[in-house]
């Protein structure tokens, strides 16, 4: 029992050291990310209005994807990406 308790304490110390190292790496990555000069432009900047929005809704309800990743492919059930795309305004 005493040996297993010591082993657990050793494992706990090692894990705490590893967590500390990971926290330092995350902090460095966050600092590096904050130092980027230009924010990257959005990949898809599409504003849906009126008829375009209605057409996409019709395509979706006919059973096809309207999300950029799978546009025009048949859907098997709901697609969270398509739904999120429809809810964007």
N, C-alpha and C. Protein backbone atom coordinates (compact mmCIF):
# COMPACT_ATOMS: atom_id res chain seq x y z
N UNK A 1 0.83 -1.20 0.00
CA UNK A 1 0.00 0.00 0.00
C UNK A 1 0.87 1.25 0.00
N UNK A 2 1.90 1.24 0.82
CA UNK A 2 2.80 2.39 0.92
C UNK A 2 3.50 2.64 -0.41
N UNK A 3 3.89 1.54 -1.07
CA UNK A 3 4.59 1.68 -2.35
C UNK A 3 3.66 2.27 -3.41
N UNK A 4 2.43 1.81 -3.46
CA UNK A 4 1.50 2.33 -4.47
C UNK A 4 1.18 3.79 -4.22
N UNK A 5 1.12 4.21 -2.95
CA UNK A 5 0.88 5.61 -2.63
C UNK A 5 2.05 6.47 -3.10
N UNK A 6 3.26 5.99 -2.90
CA UNK A 6 4.44 6.72 -3.36
C UNK A 6 4.47 6.80 -4.88
N UNK A 7 4.09 5.71 -5.53
CA UNK A 7 4.05 5.71 -7.00
C UNK A 7 3.03 6.73 -7.50
N UNK A 8 1.88 6.80 -6.84
CA UNK A 8 0.86 7.76 -7.23
C UNK A 8 1.35 9.19 -7.03
N UNK A 9 2.05 9.43 -5.93
CA UNK A 9 2.59 10.76 -5.68
C UNK A 9 3.60 11.14 -6.76
N UNK A 10 4.44 10.19 -7.16
CA UNK A 10 5.43 10.44 -8.21
C UNK A 10 4.73 10.75 -9.53
N UNK A 11 3.73 9.97 -9.86
CA UNK A 11 2.98 10.20 -11.10
C UNK A 11 2.31 11.57 -11.06
N UNK A 12 1.75 11.93 -9.90
CA UNK A 12 1.10 13.23 -9.76
C UNK A 12 2.10 14.37 -9.96
N UNK A 13 3.28 14.25 -9.39
CA UNK A 13 4.32 15.28 -9.58
C UNK A 13 4.68 15.42 -11.06
N UNK A 14 4.87 14.27 -11.72
CA UNK A 14 5.22 14.30 -13.14
C UNK A 14 4.12 14.97 -13.96
N UNK A 15 2.88 14.64 -13.64
CA UNK A 15 1.76 15.25 -14.36
C UNK A 15 1.68 16.75 -14.11
N UNK A 16 1.94 17.16 -12.87
CA UNK A 16 1.91 18.59 -12.56
C UNK A 16 3.01 19.33 -13.31
N UNK A 17 4.19 18.72 -13.42
CA UNK A 17 5.27 19.34 -14.20
C UNK A 17 4.88 19.44 -15.67
N UNK A 18 4.29 18.38 -16.19
CA UNK A 18 3.88 18.39 -17.59
C UNK A 18 2.81 19.45 -17.84
N UNK A 19 1.86 19.57 -16.93
CA UNK A 19 0.81 20.59 -17.07
C UNK A 19 1.43 21.98 -17.05
N UNK A 20 2.41 22.20 -16.17
CA UNK A 20 3.09 23.49 -16.12
C UNK A 20 3.79 23.81 -17.43
N UNK A 21 4.46 22.81 -18.00
CA UNK A 21 5.14 23.01 -19.28
C UNK A 21 4.14 23.31 -20.39
N UNK A 22 3.02 22.59 -20.39
CA UNK A 22 1.99 22.83 -21.41
C UNK A 22 1.39 24.22 -21.27
N UNK A 23 1.20 24.68 -20.04
CA UNK A 23 0.67 26.03 -19.82
C UNK A 23 1.64 27.08 -20.38
N UNK A 24 2.94 26.84 -20.17
CA UNK A 24 3.93 27.77 -20.71
C UNK A 24 3.88 27.79 -22.24
N UNK A 25 3.74 26.62 -22.86
CA UNK A 25 3.67 26.55 -24.32
C UNK A 25 2.43 27.26 -24.84
N UNK A 26 1.30 27.08 -24.15
CA UNK A 26 0.07 27.75 -24.56
C UNK A 26 0.23 29.26 -24.45
N UNK A 27 0.83 29.72 -23.36
CA UNK A 27 1.04 31.16 -23.18
C UNK A 27 1.91 31.72 -24.30
N UNK A 28 2.98 30.99 -24.65
CA UNK A 28 3.86 31.45 -25.73
C UNK A 28 3.10 31.50 -27.05
N UNK A 29 2.31 30.47 -27.34
CA UNK A 29 1.53 30.47 -28.58
C UNK A 29 0.52 31.61 -28.60
N UNK A 30 -0.10 31.89 -27.47
CA UNK A 30 -1.05 33.01 -27.42
C UNK A 30 -0.35 34.33 -27.64
N UNK A 31 0.85 34.49 -27.07
CA UNK A 31 1.62 35.73 -27.29
C UNK A 31 2.01 35.86 -28.75
N UNK A 32 2.49 34.76 -29.33
CA UNK A 32 2.87 34.78 -30.75
C UNK A 32 1.67 35.09 -31.63
N UNK A 33 0.54 34.54 -31.30
CA UNK A 33 -0.67 34.78 -32.08
C UNK A 33 -1.10 36.23 -31.97
N UNK A 34 -0.94 36.82 -30.80
CA UNK A 34 -1.30 38.21 -30.59
C UNK A 34 -0.40 39.18 -31.31
N UNK A 35 0.79 38.73 -31.73
CA UNK A 35 1.75 39.61 -32.38
C UNK A 35 1.61 39.62 -33.89
N UNK A 36 0.65 38.87 -34.43
CA UNK A 36 0.45 38.90 -35.88
C UNK A 36 0.07 40.31 -36.30
N UNK A 37 0.68 40.77 -37.37
CA UNK A 37 0.45 42.14 -37.81
C UNK A 37 -0.90 42.32 -38.49
N UNK A 38 -1.23 41.46 -39.41
CA UNK A 38 -2.47 41.59 -40.16
C UNK A 38 -3.38 40.41 -39.86
N UNK A 39 -4.61 40.69 -39.48
CA UNK A 39 -5.54 39.57 -39.32
C UNK A 39 -5.87 38.98 -40.68
N UNK A 40 -5.97 37.68 -40.73
CA UNK A 40 -6.27 37.04 -42.01
C UNK A 40 -7.74 37.27 -42.36
N UNK A 41 -8.01 37.52 -43.63
CA UNK A 41 -9.39 37.79 -44.05
C UNK A 41 -10.23 36.53 -43.93
N UNK A 42 -11.53 36.68 -43.74
CA UNK A 42 -12.38 35.49 -43.65
C UNK A 42 -12.38 34.74 -44.98
N UNK A 43 -12.44 33.43 -44.90
CA UNK A 43 -12.40 32.61 -46.10
C UNK A 43 -13.67 32.80 -46.91
N UNK A 44 -14.80 32.81 -46.24
CA UNK A 44 -16.07 32.99 -46.93
C UNK A 44 -16.74 34.24 -46.39
N UNK A 45 -16.81 35.27 -47.19
CA UNK A 45 -17.55 36.45 -46.78
C UNK A 45 -18.72 36.60 -47.75
N UNK A 46 -19.85 36.12 -47.33
CA UNK A 46 -21.02 36.10 -48.19
C UNK A 46 -22.20 36.64 -47.41
N UNK A 47 -22.81 37.67 -47.90
CA UNK A 47 -24.00 38.21 -47.26
C UNK A 47 -25.21 37.74 -48.05
N UNK A 48 -26.09 37.06 -47.36
CA UNK A 48 -27.27 36.52 -48.02
C UNK A 48 -28.43 37.47 -47.84
N UNK A 49 -29.03 37.84 -48.94
CA UNK A 49 -30.18 38.74 -48.90
C UNK A 49 -31.25 38.24 -49.84
N UNK A 50 -32.47 38.45 -49.45
CA UNK A 50 -33.62 38.22 -50.32
C UNK A 50 -33.63 36.93 -51.08
N UNK A 51 -33.58 37.05 -52.41
CA UNK A 51 -33.74 35.90 -53.29
C UNK A 51 -32.62 34.87 -53.12
N UNK A 52 -31.39 35.33 -52.92
CA UNK A 52 -30.27 34.39 -52.73
C UNK A 52 -30.52 33.51 -51.52
N UNK A 53 -30.95 34.14 -50.44
CA UNK A 53 -31.22 33.42 -49.20
C UNK A 53 -32.36 32.42 -49.42
N UNK A 54 -33.39 32.84 -50.11
CA UNK A 54 -34.53 31.96 -50.39
C UNK A 54 -34.10 30.77 -51.24
N UNK A 55 -33.25 31.02 -52.24
CA UNK A 55 -32.77 29.93 -53.10
C UNK A 55 -31.98 28.91 -52.30
N UNK A 56 -31.10 29.39 -51.42
CA UNK A 56 -30.32 28.46 -50.60
C UNK A 56 -31.24 27.67 -49.67
N UNK A 57 -32.25 28.33 -49.12
CA UNK A 57 -33.20 27.63 -48.27
C UNK A 57 -33.94 26.54 -49.03
N UNK A 58 -34.32 26.85 -50.25
CA UNK A 58 -35.03 25.87 -51.09
C UNK A 58 -34.10 24.68 -51.40
N UNK A 59 -32.86 24.97 -51.76
CA UNK A 59 -31.90 23.90 -52.05
C UNK A 59 -31.72 23.00 -50.83
N UNK A 60 -31.59 23.63 -49.66
CA UNK A 60 -31.41 22.86 -48.42
C UNK A 60 -32.62 21.97 -48.16
N UNK A 61 -33.81 22.52 -48.31
CA UNK A 61 -35.03 21.75 -48.04
C UNK A 61 -35.28 20.67 -49.08
N UNK A 62 -34.63 20.76 -50.24
CA UNK A 62 -34.73 19.70 -51.25
C UNK A 62 -33.76 18.56 -50.93
N UNK A 63 -32.95 18.74 -49.88
CA UNK A 63 -32.08 17.64 -49.45
C UNK A 63 -30.63 17.77 -49.84
N UNK A 64 -30.19 18.97 -50.20
CA UNK A 64 -28.81 19.18 -50.61
C UNK A 64 -28.07 20.06 -49.60
N UNK A 65 -26.76 19.86 -49.53
CA UNK A 65 -25.91 20.71 -48.69
C UNK A 65 -25.80 22.11 -49.29
N UNK A 66 -25.78 23.11 -48.41
CA UNK A 66 -25.52 24.49 -48.85
C UNK A 66 -24.28 25.04 -48.17
N UNK A 67 -23.66 24.23 -47.31
CA UNK A 67 -22.44 24.68 -46.63
C UNK A 67 -21.27 24.63 -47.62
N UNK A 68 -20.27 25.49 -47.45
CA UNK A 68 -19.14 25.53 -48.38
C UNK A 68 -18.39 24.20 -48.50
N UNK A 69 -18.36 23.43 -47.42
CA UNK A 69 -17.58 22.19 -47.44
C UNK A 69 -18.19 21.11 -48.33
N UNK A 70 -19.52 21.10 -48.48
CA UNK A 70 -20.16 20.01 -49.22
C UNK A 70 -21.27 20.53 -50.14
N UNK A 71 -21.14 21.73 -50.63
CA UNK A 71 -22.21 22.36 -51.40
C UNK A 71 -22.67 21.48 -52.56
N UNK A 72 -23.99 21.30 -52.65
CA UNK A 72 -24.58 20.57 -53.76
C UNK A 72 -24.64 19.06 -53.60
N UNK A 73 -24.01 18.53 -52.57
CA UNK A 73 -24.06 17.08 -52.35
C UNK A 73 -25.33 16.73 -51.59
N UNK A 74 -25.85 15.54 -51.84
CA UNK A 74 -27.04 15.09 -51.12
C UNK A 74 -26.75 14.96 -49.63
N UNK A 75 -27.74 15.37 -48.82
CA UNK A 75 -27.60 15.26 -47.37
C UNK A 75 -28.25 13.98 -46.89
N UNK A 76 -27.70 13.41 -45.84
CA UNK A 76 -28.34 12.30 -45.12
C UNK A 76 -28.71 12.85 -43.76
N UNK A 77 -29.86 13.48 -43.63
CA UNK A 77 -30.26 14.09 -42.36
C UNK A 77 -29.80 15.53 -42.30
N UNK A 78 -29.83 16.09 -41.09
CA UNK A 78 -29.44 17.49 -40.90
C UNK A 78 -27.93 17.68 -40.94
N UNK A 79 -27.51 18.87 -41.27
CA UNK A 79 -26.09 19.22 -41.30
C UNK A 79 -25.91 20.49 -40.47
N UNK A 80 -25.13 20.40 -39.41
CA UNK A 80 -24.94 21.56 -38.54
C UNK A 80 -24.29 22.72 -39.28
N UNK A 81 -23.41 22.42 -40.22
CA UNK A 81 -22.74 23.47 -40.98
C UNK A 81 -23.75 24.22 -41.86
N UNK A 82 -24.63 23.46 -42.50
CA UNK A 82 -25.65 24.09 -43.34
C UNK A 82 -26.59 24.94 -42.50
N UNK A 83 -27.00 24.40 -41.36
CA UNK A 83 -27.92 25.13 -40.49
C UNK A 83 -27.27 26.42 -40.01
N UNK A 84 -26.00 26.33 -39.61
CA UNK A 84 -25.29 27.54 -39.16
C UNK A 84 -25.16 28.53 -40.30
N UNK A 85 -24.94 28.03 -41.50
CA UNK A 85 -24.82 28.90 -42.68
C UNK A 85 -26.14 29.60 -42.95
N UNK A 86 -27.26 28.89 -42.76
CA UNK A 86 -28.59 29.47 -42.98
C UNK A 86 -28.91 30.53 -41.93
N UNK A 87 -28.46 30.31 -40.70
CA UNK A 87 -28.80 31.22 -39.61
C UNK A 87 -27.95 32.48 -39.62
N UNK A 88 -26.86 32.48 -40.39
CA UNK A 88 -26.04 33.69 -40.49
C UNK A 88 -26.82 34.77 -41.20
N UNK A 89 -26.66 35.97 -40.75
CA UNK A 89 -27.33 37.07 -41.45
C UNK A 89 -26.36 38.19 -41.68
